[in-house]
Amino acid sequence: MKDPYAVLGIDKNATDEQVKEAYRELARKYHPDRYSDNPLSDLAKEKMQEINEAYDTIMNSRRGRKSSRSSGANYNNPSSKFADIRSYITSGRIEEAQELLDGIPMENRDAEWYFLNGTVAYRRGHFDSAYTSYATATRMDPSNPEYREAFARLQRSGGGFGGNPYGNPYRSPGNMGGGCTGCDICQTLICANCCCEMMRCC
């Protein structure tokens, strides 16, 4: 693999915040949604994957040095019925994880499936899909700390991708300005539904 710092265009002494900002800038630039129906679509996907891998390599390395709290979830869980998918995610085999997820019948897609689907979407740079999947997982199992933390982490990162007030870190390039998009409306309804479900559980 290329030097991850070179991929993100930053110095090895960059702060964590500078690493995140560089990642966000490149994710905005190369996100596949910008290149739909474009001959450069495949190249954009490859570049986005390279950017994701570089970011993960840097942050995992830094978390290892600090050996303290991790900003990412630990996807290894031998007791999970999706242990094989979790293993693929942990080892960075995102495409294989997505293939297995896609092969799960709709009736077997529980909260954990949506959580893992959101994680794969996030790793691939598909932030809208990650948001929707994490929201669904949290709604289906609101007491699960793993799902809640992943969803909250994604919402906290929202400021770097167009400032969506509903916490979605990626807005389609054509809608980076003000106003309300179809995605905004959908996400607002998801949030409202989550609130209703949580109130019902109380």
N, C-alpha and C. Protein backbone atom coordinates (compact mmCIF):
# COMPACT_ATOMS: atom_id res chain seq x y z
N MET A 1 0.84 -1.20 0.00
CA MET A 1 0.00 0.00 0.00
C MET A 1 0.88 1.24 0.00
N LYS A 2 0.40 2.31 -0.61
CA LYS A 2 1.12 3.58 -0.62
C LYS A 2 1.20 4.13 0.80
N ASP A 3 2.13 5.07 0.98
CA ASP A 3 2.23 5.76 2.26
C ASP A 3 0.89 6.44 2.54
N PRO A 4 0.20 6.05 3.64
CA PRO A 4 -1.13 6.61 3.90
C PRO A 4 -1.13 8.13 4.06
N TYR A 5 -0.04 8.67 4.61
CA TYR A 5 0.04 10.12 4.76
C TYR A 5 0.13 10.81 3.40
N ALA A 6 0.85 10.17 2.47
CA ALA A 6 0.96 10.73 1.12
C ALA A 6 -0.40 10.67 0.42
N VAL A 7 -1.15 9.60 0.66
CA VAL A 7 -2.47 9.47 0.04
C VAL A 7 -3.38 10.62 0.49
N LEU A 8 -3.31 10.95 1.78
CA LEU A 8 -4.15 12.04 2.31
C LEU A 8 -3.52 13.41 2.10
N GLY A 9 -2.27 13.43 1.63
CA GLY A 9 -1.61 14.70 1.34
C GLY A 9 -1.25 15.49 2.58
N ILE A 10 -0.85 14.79 3.65
CA ILE A 10 -0.51 15.46 4.90
C ILE A 10 0.84 14.98 5.41
N ASP A 11 1.38 15.73 6.38
CA ASP A 11 2.65 15.39 6.99
C ASP A 11 2.43 14.35 8.09
N LYS A 12 3.46 13.54 8.36
CA LYS A 12 3.33 12.51 9.39
C LYS A 12 3.14 13.10 10.78
N ASN A 13 3.49 14.36 10.95
CA ASN A 13 3.32 15.02 12.25
C ASN A 13 1.97 15.72 12.38
N ALA A 14 1.09 15.52 11.40
CA ALA A 14 -0.23 16.16 11.45
C ALA A 14 -1.00 15.69 12.68
N THR A 15 -1.81 16.58 13.22
CA THR A 15 -2.63 16.22 14.37
C THR A 15 -3.78 15.31 13.90
N ASP A 16 -4.44 14.67 14.86
CA ASP A 16 -5.59 13.83 14.52
C ASP A 16 -6.66 14.64 13.80
N GLU A 17 -6.87 15.87 14.26
CA GLU A 17 -7.88 16.72 13.63
C GLU A 17 -7.50 17.06 12.19
N GLN A 18 -6.21 17.27 11.93
CA GLN A 18 -5.75 17.55 10.57
C GLN A 18 -5.92 16.32 9.68
N VAL A 19 -5.70 15.15 10.25
CA VAL A 19 -5.90 13.91 9.50
C VAL A 19 -7.38 13.80 9.11
N LYS A 20 -8.26 14.05 10.07
CA LYS A 20 -9.70 13.95 9.80
C LYS A 20 -10.14 14.97 8.76
N GLU A 21 -9.62 16.19 8.87
CA GLU A 21 -10.00 17.24 7.92
C GLU A 21 -9.53 16.90 6.51
N ALA A 22 -8.31 16.36 6.39
CA ALA A 22 -7.80 15.96 5.08
C ALA A 22 -8.66 14.85 4.49
N TYR A 23 -9.06 13.91 5.34
CA TYR A 23 -9.92 12.82 4.89
C TYR A 23 -11.26 13.36 4.39
N ARG A 24 -11.84 14.28 5.15
CA ARG A 24 -13.14 14.83 4.77
C ARG A 24 -13.07 15.56 3.44
N GLU A 25 -12.00 16.33 3.26
CA GLU A 25 -11.84 17.08 2.01
C GLU A 25 -11.76 16.13 0.81
N LEU A 26 -10.96 15.07 0.95
CA LEU A 26 -10.80 14.11 -0.14
C LEU A 26 -12.08 13.31 -0.36
N ALA A 27 -12.78 12.99 0.73
CA ALA A 27 -14.05 12.25 0.60
C ALA A 27 -15.07 13.08 -0.16
N ARG A 28 -15.10 14.38 0.10
CA ARG A 28 -16.01 15.25 -0.66
C ARG A 28 -15.63 15.26 -2.14
N LYS A 29 -14.33 15.31 -2.40
CA LYS A 29 -13.85 15.44 -3.77
C LYS A 29 -14.05 14.18 -4.59
N TYR A 30 -13.82 13.02 -3.97
CA TYR A 30 -13.82 11.76 -4.73
C TYR A 30 -15.02 10.87 -4.44
N HIS A 31 -15.98 11.35 -3.67
CA HIS A 31 -17.13 10.49 -3.36
C HIS A 31 -17.79 10.02 -4.66
N PRO A 32 -18.06 8.70 -4.78
CA PRO A 32 -18.63 8.15 -6.01
C PRO A 32 -19.92 8.81 -6.48
N ASP A 33 -20.70 9.37 -5.54
CA ASP A 33 -21.94 10.04 -5.93
C ASP A 33 -21.70 11.22 -6.86
N ARG A 34 -20.52 11.80 -6.78
CA ARG A 34 -20.19 12.93 -7.65
C ARG A 34 -19.97 12.47 -9.10
N TYR A 35 -19.71 11.17 -9.26
CA TYR A 35 -19.33 10.66 -10.57
C TYR A 35 -20.33 9.65 -11.13
N SER A 36 -21.56 9.67 -10.62
CA SER A 36 -22.56 8.76 -11.17
C SER A 36 -22.81 9.12 -12.62
N ASP A 37 -22.99 8.12 -13.45
CA ASP A 37 -23.18 8.31 -14.90
C ASP A 37 -22.00 9.07 -15.51
N ASN A 38 -20.81 8.77 -15.01
CA ASN A 38 -19.60 9.44 -15.48
C ASN A 38 -18.56 8.36 -15.77
N PRO A 39 -17.79 8.50 -16.87
CA PRO A 39 -16.77 7.49 -17.19
C PRO A 39 -15.73 7.32 -16.08
N LEU A 40 -15.61 8.32 -15.21
CA LEU A 40 -14.61 8.26 -14.14
C LEU A 40 -15.15 7.59 -12.87
N SER A 41 -16.35 7.04 -12.94
CA SER A 41 -16.99 6.46 -11.76
C SER A 41 -16.13 5.38 -11.10
N ASP A 42 -15.59 4.45 -11.90
CA ASP A 42 -14.78 3.37 -11.34
C ASP A 42 -13.51 3.89 -10.70
N LEU A 43 -12.89 4.90 -11.34
CA LEU A 43 -11.68 5.48 -10.77
C LEU A 43 -11.98 6.17 -9.44
N ALA A 44 -13.14 6.83 -9.37
CA ALA A 44 -13.53 7.51 -8.13
C ALA A 44 -13.72 6.49 -7.00
N LYS A 45 -14.32 5.35 -7.32
CA LYS A 45 -14.53 4.31 -6.30
C LYS A 45 -13.19 3.78 -5.79
N GLU A 46 -12.24 3.56 -6.73
CA GLU A 46 -10.92 3.08 -6.34
C GLU A 46 -10.21 4.10 -5.46
N LYS A 47 -10.31 5.36 -5.85
CA LYS A 47 -9.67 6.42 -5.09
C LYS A 47 -10.29 6.53 -3.70
N MET A 48 -11.62 6.42 -3.63
CA MET A 48 -12.30 6.52 -2.34
C MET A 48 -11.88 5.37 -1.44
N GLN A 49 -11.73 4.18 -2.01
CA GLN A 49 -11.29 3.03 -1.22
C GLN A 49 -9.88 3.25 -0.70
N GLU A 50 -9.01 3.80 -1.55
CA GLU A 50 -7.64 4.09 -1.16
C GLU A 50 -7.61 5.11 -0.02
N ILE A 51 -8.46 6.12 -0.12
CA ILE A 51 -8.54 7.16 0.92
C ILE A 51 -9.03 6.55 2.23
N ASN A 52 -10.06 5.71 2.17
CA ASN A 52 -10.58 5.06 3.37
C ASN A 52 -9.52 4.19 4.04
N GLU A 53 -8.78 3.43 3.22
CA GLU A 53 -7.74 2.55 3.76
C GLU A 53 -6.62 3.37 4.41
N ALA A 54 -6.25 4.47 3.76
CA ALA A 54 -5.20 5.31 4.31
C ALA A 54 -5.62 5.89 5.66
N TYR A 55 -6.85 6.40 5.71
CA TYR A 55 -7.36 6.99 6.96
C TYR A 55 -7.41 5.94 8.06
N ASP A 56 -7.95 4.75 7.74
CA ASP A 56 -8.04 3.69 8.74
C ASP A 56 -6.66 3.27 9.24
N THR A 57 -5.70 3.18 8.32
CA THR A 57 -4.34 2.77 8.69
C THR A 57 -3.73 3.76 9.67
N ILE A 58 -3.87 5.04 9.35
CA ILE A 58 -3.31 6.08 10.23
C ILE A 58 -3.97 6.08 11.59
N MET A 59 -5.29 6.08 11.62
CA MET A 59 -6.01 6.18 12.89
C MET A 59 -5.83 4.91 13.73
N ASN A 60 -5.81 3.74 13.09
CA ASN A 60 -5.60 2.50 13.84
C ASN A 60 -4.20 2.48 14.44
N SER A 61 -3.23 2.97 13.67
CA SER A 61 -1.85 3.03 14.17
C SER A 61 -1.76 3.96 15.37
N ARG A 62 -2.43 5.10 15.29
CA ARG A 62 -2.38 6.06 16.40
C ARG A 62 -3.13 5.55 17.62
N ARG A 63 -4.22 4.86 17.39
CA ARG A 63 -4.95 4.28 18.53
C ARG A 63 -4.09 3.22 19.21
N GLY A 64 -3.34 2.47 18.39
CA GLY A 64 -2.46 1.44 18.94
C GLY A 64 -1.37 2.04 19.81
N ARG A 65 -0.81 3.18 19.38
CA ARG A 65 0.25 3.84 20.15
C ARG A 65 -0.30 4.38 21.46
N LYS A 66 -1.50 4.92 21.40
CA LYS A 66 -2.09 5.51 22.61
C LYS A 66 -2.58 4.42 23.56
N SER A 67 -2.97 3.27 22.98
CA SER A 67 -3.51 2.14 23.75
C SER A 67 -4.52 2.57 24.81
N SER A 68 -5.33 3.56 24.42
CA SER A 68 -6.39 3.99 25.33
C SER A 68 -7.72 3.82 24.65
N ARG A 69 -8.60 4.80 24.75
CA ARG A 69 -9.92 4.64 24.17
C ARG A 69 -9.84 4.58 22.66
N SER A 70 -10.72 3.81 22.06
CA SER A 70 -10.77 3.69 20.61
C SER A 70 -11.95 4.47 20.10
N SER A 71 -11.75 5.23 19.01
CA SER A 71 -12.86 5.99 18.45
C SER A 71 -13.70 5.14 17.51
N GLY A 72 -13.30 3.89 17.31
CA GLY A 72 -14.07 3.02 16.44
C GLY A 72 -14.56 1.81 17.21
N ALA A 73 -15.54 1.12 16.67
CA ALA A 73 -16.09 -0.04 17.36
C ALA A 73 -15.17 -1.23 17.17
N ASN A 74 -15.21 -2.15 18.13
CA ASN A 74 -14.49 -3.42 17.97
C ASN A 74 -15.46 -4.39 17.32
N TYR A 75 -15.18 -4.73 16.07
CA TYR A 75 -16.15 -5.51 15.32
C TYR A 75 -16.03 -7.01 15.57
N ASN A 76 -14.99 -7.44 16.28
CA ASN A 76 -14.86 -8.86 16.58
C ASN A 76 -15.84 -9.24 17.68
N ASN A 77 -16.68 -10.22 17.39
CA ASN A 77 -17.64 -10.70 18.37
C ASN A 77 -17.97 -12.15 18.00
N PRO A 78 -17.21 -13.10 18.56
CA PRO A 78 -17.37 -14.52 18.19
C PRO A 78 -18.78 -15.05 18.38
N SER A 79 -19.53 -14.48 19.33
CA SER A 79 -20.88 -14.98 19.59
C SER A 79 -21.92 -14.44 18.60
N SER A 80 -21.51 -13.51 17.76
CA SER A 80 -22.43 -12.92 16.79
C SER A 80 -22.77 -13.93 15.70
N LYS A 81 -24.02 -13.89 15.25
CA LYS A 81 -24.39 -14.77 14.14
C LYS A 81 -23.81 -14.26 12.83
N PHE A 82 -23.27 -13.03 12.86
CA PHE A 82 -22.60 -12.46 11.69
C PHE A 82 -21.10 -12.34 11.95
N ALA A 83 -20.54 -13.31 12.69
CA ALA A 83 -19.12 -13.25 13.07
C ALA A 83 -18.21 -13.21 11.84
N ASP A 84 -18.60 -13.93 10.78
CA ASP A 84 -17.76 -13.94 9.58
C ASP A 84 -17.72 -12.55 8.93
N ILE A 85 -18.85 -11.86 8.93
CA ILE A 85 -18.90 -10.52 8.36
C ILE A 85 -18.08 -9.56 9.22
N ARG A 86 -18.20 -9.68 10.53
CA ARG A 86 -17.42 -8.84 11.43
C ARG A 86 -15.92 -9.06 11.20
N SER A 87 -15.55 -10.31 10.98
CA SER A 87 -14.14 -10.63 10.74
C SER A 87 -13.63 -9.97 9.47
N TYR A 88 -14.45 -10.00 8.42
CA TYR A 88 -14.07 -9.33 7.17
C TYR A 88 -13.89 -7.83 7.38
N ILE A 89 -14.81 -7.22 8.13
CA ILE A 89 -14.72 -5.78 8.37
C ILE A 89 -13.44 -5.45 9.13
N THR A 90 -13.15 -6.23 10.17
CA THR A 90 -11.96 -6.00 10.99
C THR A 90 -10.69 -6.10 10.16
N SER A 91 -10.67 -7.05 9.22
CA SER A 91 -9.46 -7.23 8.40
C SER A 91 -9.45 -6.35 7.16
N GLY A 92 -10.46 -5.47 7.03
CA GLY A 92 -10.47 -4.53 5.91
C GLY A 92 -10.99 -5.11 4.61
N ARG A 93 -11.59 -6.28 4.66
CA ARG A 93 -12.13 -6.92 3.44
C ARG A 93 -13.58 -6.48 3.26
N ILE A 94 -13.72 -5.22 2.91
CA ILE A 94 -15.04 -4.57 2.89
C ILE A 94 -15.93 -5.12 1.79
N GLU A 95 -15.37 -5.37 0.62
CA GLU A 95 -16.18 -5.88 -0.49
C GLU A 95 -16.77 -7.24 -0.16
N GLU A 96 -15.96 -8.12 0.45
CA GLU A 96 -16.46 -9.44 0.84
C GLU A 96 -17.55 -9.32 1.90
N ALA A 97 -17.35 -8.38 2.83
CA ALA A 97 -18.36 -8.17 3.87
C ALA A 97 -19.68 -7.73 3.24
N GLN A 98 -19.59 -6.82 2.26
CA GLN A 98 -20.81 -6.34 1.60
C GLN A 98 -21.52 -7.46 0.85
N GLU A 99 -20.75 -8.33 0.21
CA GLU A 99 -21.35 -9.46 -0.52
C GLU A 99 -22.13 -10.36 0.43
N LEU A 100 -21.53 -10.65 1.59
CA LEU A 100 -22.23 -11.50 2.57
C LEU A 100 -23.48 -10.81 3.10
N LEU A 101 -23.37 -9.52 3.37
CA LEU A 101 -24.54 -8.77 3.86
C LEU A 101 -25.66 -8.78 2.83
N ASP A 102 -25.30 -8.57 1.58
CA ASP A 102 -26.32 -8.56 0.52
C ASP A 102 -27.01 -9.90 0.37
N GLY A 103 -26.31 -10.97 0.76
CA GLY A 103 -26.88 -12.31 0.61
C GLY A 103 -27.83 -12.71 1.74
N ILE A 104 -27.92 -11.88 2.78
CA ILE A 104 -28.83 -12.19 3.89
C ILE A 104 -30.26 -11.84 3.49
N PRO A 105 -31.19 -12.79 3.58
CA PRO A 105 -32.59 -12.51 3.22
C PRO A 105 -33.18 -11.37 4.05
N MET A 106 -34.11 -10.65 3.47
CA MET A 106 -34.71 -9.49 4.13
C MET A 106 -35.27 -9.85 5.51
N GLU A 107 -35.91 -11.03 5.61
CA GLU A 107 -36.55 -11.39 6.88
C GLU A 107 -35.53 -11.67 7.99
N ASN A 108 -34.26 -11.85 7.64
CA ASN A 108 -33.22 -12.10 8.63
C ASN A 108 -32.36 -10.87 8.93
N ARG A 109 -32.76 -9.73 8.39
CA ARG A 109 -31.97 -8.51 8.58
C ARG A 109 -32.42 -7.80 9.85
N ASP A 110 -31.73 -8.12 10.94
CA ASP A 110 -32.08 -7.54 12.24
C ASP A 110 -31.23 -6.30 12.51
N ALA A 111 -31.26 -5.83 13.75
CA ALA A 111 -30.53 -4.61 14.11
C ALA A 111 -29.04 -4.75 13.86
N GLU A 112 -28.49 -5.94 14.16
CA GLU A 112 -27.05 -6.13 13.93
C GLU A 112 -26.71 -6.06 12.45
N TRP A 113 -27.59 -6.61 11.61
CA TRP A 113 -27.35 -6.53 10.17
C TRP A 113 -27.25 -5.07 9.72
N TYR A 114 -28.19 -4.24 10.19
CA TYR A 114 -28.18 -2.83 9.80
C TYR A 114 -26.95 -2.11 10.34
N PHE A 115 -26.53 -2.48 11.55
CA PHE A 115 -25.32 -1.88 12.11
C PHE A 115 -24.10 -2.21 11.24
N LEU A 116 -23.96 -3.48 10.89
CA LEU A 116 -22.82 -3.89 10.07
C LEU A 116 -22.91 -3.31 8.66
N ASN A 117 -24.12 -3.23 8.13
CA ASN A 117 -24.30 -2.63 6.81
C ASN A 117 -23.90 -1.15 6.84
N GLY A 118 -24.25 -0.48 7.94
CA GLY A 118 -23.86 0.92 8.10
C GLY A 118 -22.35 1.07 8.20
N THR A 119 -21.71 0.14 8.90
CA THR A 119 -20.26 0.19 9.05
C THR A 119 -19.56 0.01 7.71
N VAL A 120 -20.04 -0.94 6.92
CA VAL A 120 -19.47 -1.16 5.59
C VAL A 120 -19.69 0.07 4.71
N ALA A 121 -20.89 0.62 4.76
CA ALA A 121 -21.19 1.82 3.97
C ALA A 121 -20.27 2.97 4.36
N TYR A 122 -20.04 3.14 5.66
CA TYR A 122 -19.16 4.21 6.14
C TYR A 122 -17.74 4.01 5.63
N ARG A 123 -17.24 2.77 5.70
CA ARG A 123 -15.89 2.47 5.24
C ARG A 123 -15.74 2.73 3.74
N ARG A 124 -16.85 2.58 3.01
CA ARG A 124 -16.80 2.79 1.56
C ARG A 124 -17.05 4.25 1.18
N GLY A 125 -17.30 5.07 2.16
CA GLY A 125 -17.53 6.49 1.89
C GLY A 125 -18.96 6.82 1.53
N HIS A 126 -19.89 5.88 1.75
CA HIS A 126 -21.30 6.10 1.43
C HIS A 126 -22.00 6.56 2.71
N PHE A 127 -21.81 7.82 3.06
CA PHE A 127 -22.22 8.32 4.35
C PHE A 127 -23.74 8.40 4.51
N ASP A 128 -24.47 8.69 3.44
CA ASP A 128 -25.93 8.71 3.53
C ASP A 128 -26.45 7.33 3.90
N SER A 129 -25.94 6.30 3.24
CA SER A 129 -26.38 4.93 3.52
C SER A 129 -25.98 4.52 4.94
N ALA A 130 -24.79 4.92 5.37
CA ALA A 130 -24.33 4.59 6.72
C ALA A 130 -25.27 5.21 7.75
N TYR A 131 -25.64 6.47 7.52
CA TYR A 131 -26.53 7.18 8.44
C TYR A 131 -27.87 6.44 8.56
N THR A 132 -28.45 6.08 7.41
CA THR A 132 -29.75 5.41 7.41
C THR A 132 -29.68 4.06 8.11
N SER A 133 -28.61 3.29 7.84
CA SER A 133 -28.47 1.96 8.46
C SER A 133 -28.24 2.06 9.96
N TYR A 134 -27.39 2.99 10.38
CA TYR A 134 -27.15 3.16 11.81
C TYR A 134 -28.43 3.61 12.53
N ALA A 135 -29.18 4.50 11.89
CA ALA A 135 -30.43 4.97 12.49
C ALA A 135 -31.41 3.81 12.64
N THR A 136 -31.47 2.95 11.64
CA THR A 136 -32.38 1.80 11.69
C THR A 136 -31.96 0.83 12.79
N ALA A 137 -30.65 0.55 12.88
CA ALA A 137 -30.14 -0.36 13.92
C ALA A 137 -30.48 0.19 15.30
N THR A 138 -30.28 1.48 15.50
CA THR A 138 -30.56 2.11 16.79
C THR A 138 -32.05 2.09 17.12
N ARG A 139 -32.87 2.29 16.09
CA ARG A 139 -34.33 2.25 16.30
C ARG A 139 -34.78 0.84 16.68
N MET A 140 -34.20 -0.18 16.02
CA MET A 140 -34.61 -1.56 16.27
C MET A 140 -34.13 -2.06 17.63
N ASP A 141 -32.95 -1.57 18.07
CA ASP A 141 -32.39 -2.02 19.35
C ASP A 141 -31.78 -0.81 20.07
N PRO A 142 -32.63 0.08 20.62
CA PRO A 142 -32.15 1.34 21.19
C PRO A 142 -31.27 1.18 22.42
N SER A 143 -31.27 0.01 23.04
CA SER A 143 -30.47 -0.19 24.25
C SER A 143 -29.05 -0.69 23.95
N ASN A 144 -28.75 -0.96 22.68
CA ASN A 144 -27.43 -1.51 22.33
C ASN A 144 -26.39 -0.39 22.26
N PRO A 145 -25.37 -0.40 23.15
CA PRO A 145 -24.39 0.69 23.17
C PRO A 145 -23.51 0.74 21.92
N GLU A 146 -23.27 -0.43 21.30
CA GLU A 146 -22.44 -0.47 20.09
C GLU A 146 -23.10 0.30 18.96
N TYR A 147 -24.40 0.11 18.80
CA TYR A 147 -25.13 0.78 17.73
C TYR A 147 -25.26 2.27 18.02
N ARG A 148 -25.57 2.58 19.29
CA ARG A 148 -25.74 3.99 19.66
C ARG A 148 -24.45 4.79 19.47
N GLU A 149 -23.32 4.19 19.87
CA GLU A 149 -22.04 4.89 19.75
C GLU A 149 -21.66 5.11 18.29
N ALA A 150 -21.90 4.11 17.43
CA ALA A 150 -21.58 4.26 16.00
C ALA A 150 -22.43 5.37 15.39
N PHE A 151 -23.71 5.39 15.75
CA PHE A 151 -24.62 6.41 15.21
C PHE A 151 -24.22 7.80 15.71
N ALA A 152 -23.90 7.88 17.01
CA ALA A 152 -23.51 9.17 17.59
C ALA A 152 -22.20 9.66 16.98
N ARG A 153 -21.27 8.74 16.75
CA ARG A 153 -19.98 9.11 16.16
C ARG A 153 -20.17 9.68 14.76
N LEU A 154 -21.06 9.06 14.00
CA LEU A 154 -21.33 9.54 12.66
C LEU A 154 -21.99 10.92 12.70
N GLN A 155 -22.90 11.11 13.64
CA GLN A 155 -23.56 12.41 13.77
C GLN A 155 -22.57 13.50 14.18
N ARG A 156 -21.64 13.15 15.08
CA ARG A 156 -20.65 14.14 15.53
C ARG A 156 -19.74 14.59 14.40
N SER A 157 -19.52 13.73 13.41
CA SER A 157 -18.62 14.08 12.31
C SER A 157 -19.32 14.90 11.24
N GLY A 158 -20.59 15.25 11.45
CA GLY A 158 -21.39 15.90 10.41
C GLY A 158 -20.91 17.25 9.97
N GLY A 159 -20.23 18.02 10.83
CA GLY A 159 -19.86 19.38 10.47
C GLY A 159 -18.94 19.49 9.27
N GLY A 160 -18.15 18.45 8.99
CA GLY A 160 -17.17 18.54 7.92
C GLY A 160 -17.71 18.26 6.54
N PHE A 161 -19.00 17.93 6.43
CA PHE A 161 -19.53 17.53 5.13
C PHE A 161 -20.74 18.34 4.74
N GLY A 162 -20.66 19.64 4.88
CA GLY A 162 -21.76 20.47 4.43
C GLY A 162 -22.65 20.98 5.54
N GLY A 163 -22.34 20.59 6.78
CA GLY A 163 -23.07 21.14 7.92
C GLY A 163 -24.53 20.77 7.97
N ASN A 164 -24.89 19.57 7.59
CA ASN A 164 -26.27 19.13 7.68
C ASN A 164 -26.71 19.13 9.15
N PRO A 165 -27.75 19.90 9.51
CA PRO A 165 -28.15 19.99 10.91
C PRO A 165 -28.68 18.70 11.49
N TYR A 166 -28.99 17.72 10.65
CA TYR A 166 -29.50 16.46 11.17
C TYR A 166 -28.40 15.44 11.36
N GLY A 167 -27.15 15.86 11.23
CA GLY A 167 -26.04 14.99 11.56
C GLY A 167 -25.54 14.15 10.42
N ASN A 168 -26.08 14.26 9.24
CA ASN A 168 -25.62 13.46 8.11
C ASN A 168 -24.35 14.07 7.55
N PRO A 169 -23.21 13.34 7.55
CA PRO A 169 -21.95 13.95 7.17
C PRO A 169 -21.74 14.09 5.68
N TYR A 170 -22.64 13.61 4.86
CA TYR A 170 -22.43 13.81 3.42
C TYR A 170 -23.70 14.28 2.76
N ARG A 171 -23.60 15.34 2.04
CA ARG A 171 -24.73 15.85 1.27
C ARG A 171 -24.30 15.83 -0.19
N SER A 172 -25.19 15.43 -1.06
CA SER A 172 -24.84 15.36 -2.48
C SER A 172 -24.26 16.68 -2.95
N PRO A 173 -23.20 16.65 -3.79
CA PRO A 173 -22.50 17.86 -4.20
C PRO A 173 -23.40 18.95 -4.73
N GLY A 174 -24.47 18.59 -5.41
CA GLY A 174 -25.34 19.60 -5.98
C GLY A 174 -26.19 20.31 -4.94
N ASN A 175 -26.14 19.79 -3.69
CA ASN A 175 -26.99 20.36 -2.65
C ASN A 175 -26.17 20.83 -1.46
N MET A 176 -24.96 21.30 -1.72
CA MET A 176 -24.09 21.69 -0.63
C MET A 176 -24.51 23.02 -0.02
N GLY A 177 -25.35 23.76 -0.70
CA GLY A 177 -25.78 25.05 -0.17
C GLY A 177 -26.92 24.91 0.79
N GLY A 178 -27.66 25.99 1.01
CA GLY A 178 -28.78 25.95 1.94
C GLY A 178 -29.96 25.26 1.32
N GLY A 179 -31.06 25.24 2.07
CA GLY A 179 -32.28 24.62 1.57
C GLY A 179 -32.43 23.22 2.09
N CYS A 180 -33.53 22.62 1.74
CA CYS A 180 -33.88 21.30 2.25
C CYS A 180 -33.91 20.31 1.10
N THR A 181 -33.16 19.23 1.23
CA THR A 181 -33.12 18.22 0.18
C THR A 181 -34.03 17.06 0.53
N GLY A 182 -34.22 16.18 -0.44
CA GLY A 182 -35.01 14.98 -0.18
C GLY A 182 -34.38 14.13 0.91
N CYS A 183 -33.03 14.07 0.92
CA CYS A 183 -32.32 13.32 1.95
C CYS A 183 -32.58 13.92 3.33
N ASP A 184 -32.59 15.26 3.41
CA ASP A 184 -32.85 15.92 4.68
C ASP A 184 -34.21 15.51 5.23
N ILE A 185 -35.22 15.52 4.36
CA ILE A 185 -36.58 15.17 4.78
C ILE A 185 -36.63 13.74 5.27
N CYS A 186 -36.01 12.83 4.50
CA CYS A 186 -36.01 11.41 4.86
C CYS A 186 -35.33 11.20 6.21
N GLN A 187 -34.19 11.86 6.40
CA GLN A 187 -33.45 11.69 7.64
C GLN A 187 -34.20 12.28 8.82
N THR A 188 -34.91 13.38 8.61
CA THR A 188 -35.70 13.96 9.68
C THR A 188 -36.79 13.00 10.12
N LEU A 189 -37.42 12.34 9.14
CA LEU A 189 -38.47 11.37 9.45
C LEU A 189 -37.90 10.18 10.21
N ILE A 190 -36.69 9.75 9.82
CA ILE A 190 -36.04 8.63 10.52
C ILE A 190 -35.79 9.00 11.97
N CYS A 191 -35.25 10.23 12.18
CA CYS A 191 -34.97 10.69 13.54
C CYS A 191 -36.25 10.77 14.36
N ALA A 192 -37.31 11.29 13.74
CA ALA A 192 -38.59 11.41 14.45
C ALA A 192 -39.10 10.03 14.83
N ASN A 193 -38.95 9.08 13.90
CA ASN A 193 -39.39 7.71 14.17
C ASN A 193 -38.60 7.10 15.32
N CYS A 194 -37.27 7.36 15.34
CA CYS A 194 -36.43 6.86 16.43
C CYS A 194 -36.91 7.39 17.78
N CYS A 195 -37.19 8.70 17.81
CA CYS A 195 -37.66 9.33 19.05
C CYS A 195 -38.96 8.70 19.52
N CYS A 196 -39.88 8.49 18.58
CA CYS A 196 -41.17 7.89 18.93
C CYS A 196 -40.98 6.48 19.50
N GLU A 197 -40.06 5.70 18.88
CA GLU A 197 -39.83 4.34 19.34
C GLU A 197 -39.24 4.34 20.74
N MET A 198 -38.30 5.26 20.98
CA MET A 198 -37.66 5.31 22.29
C MET A 198 -38.66 5.75 23.36
N MET A 199 -39.54 6.71 23.02
CA MET A 199 -40.55 7.16 23.98
C MET A 199 -41.53 6.04 24.30
N ARG A 200 -41.81 5.21 23.29
CA ARG A 200 -42.73 4.11 23.48
C ARG A 200 -42.15 3.06 24.42
N CYS A 201 -40.77 2.94 24.38
CA CYS A 201 -40.12 1.94 25.22
C CYS A 201 -40.06 2.37 26.68
N CYS A 202 -40.18 3.69 26.91
CA CYS A 202 -40.04 4.21 28.29
C CYS A 202 -41.30 3.92 29.12
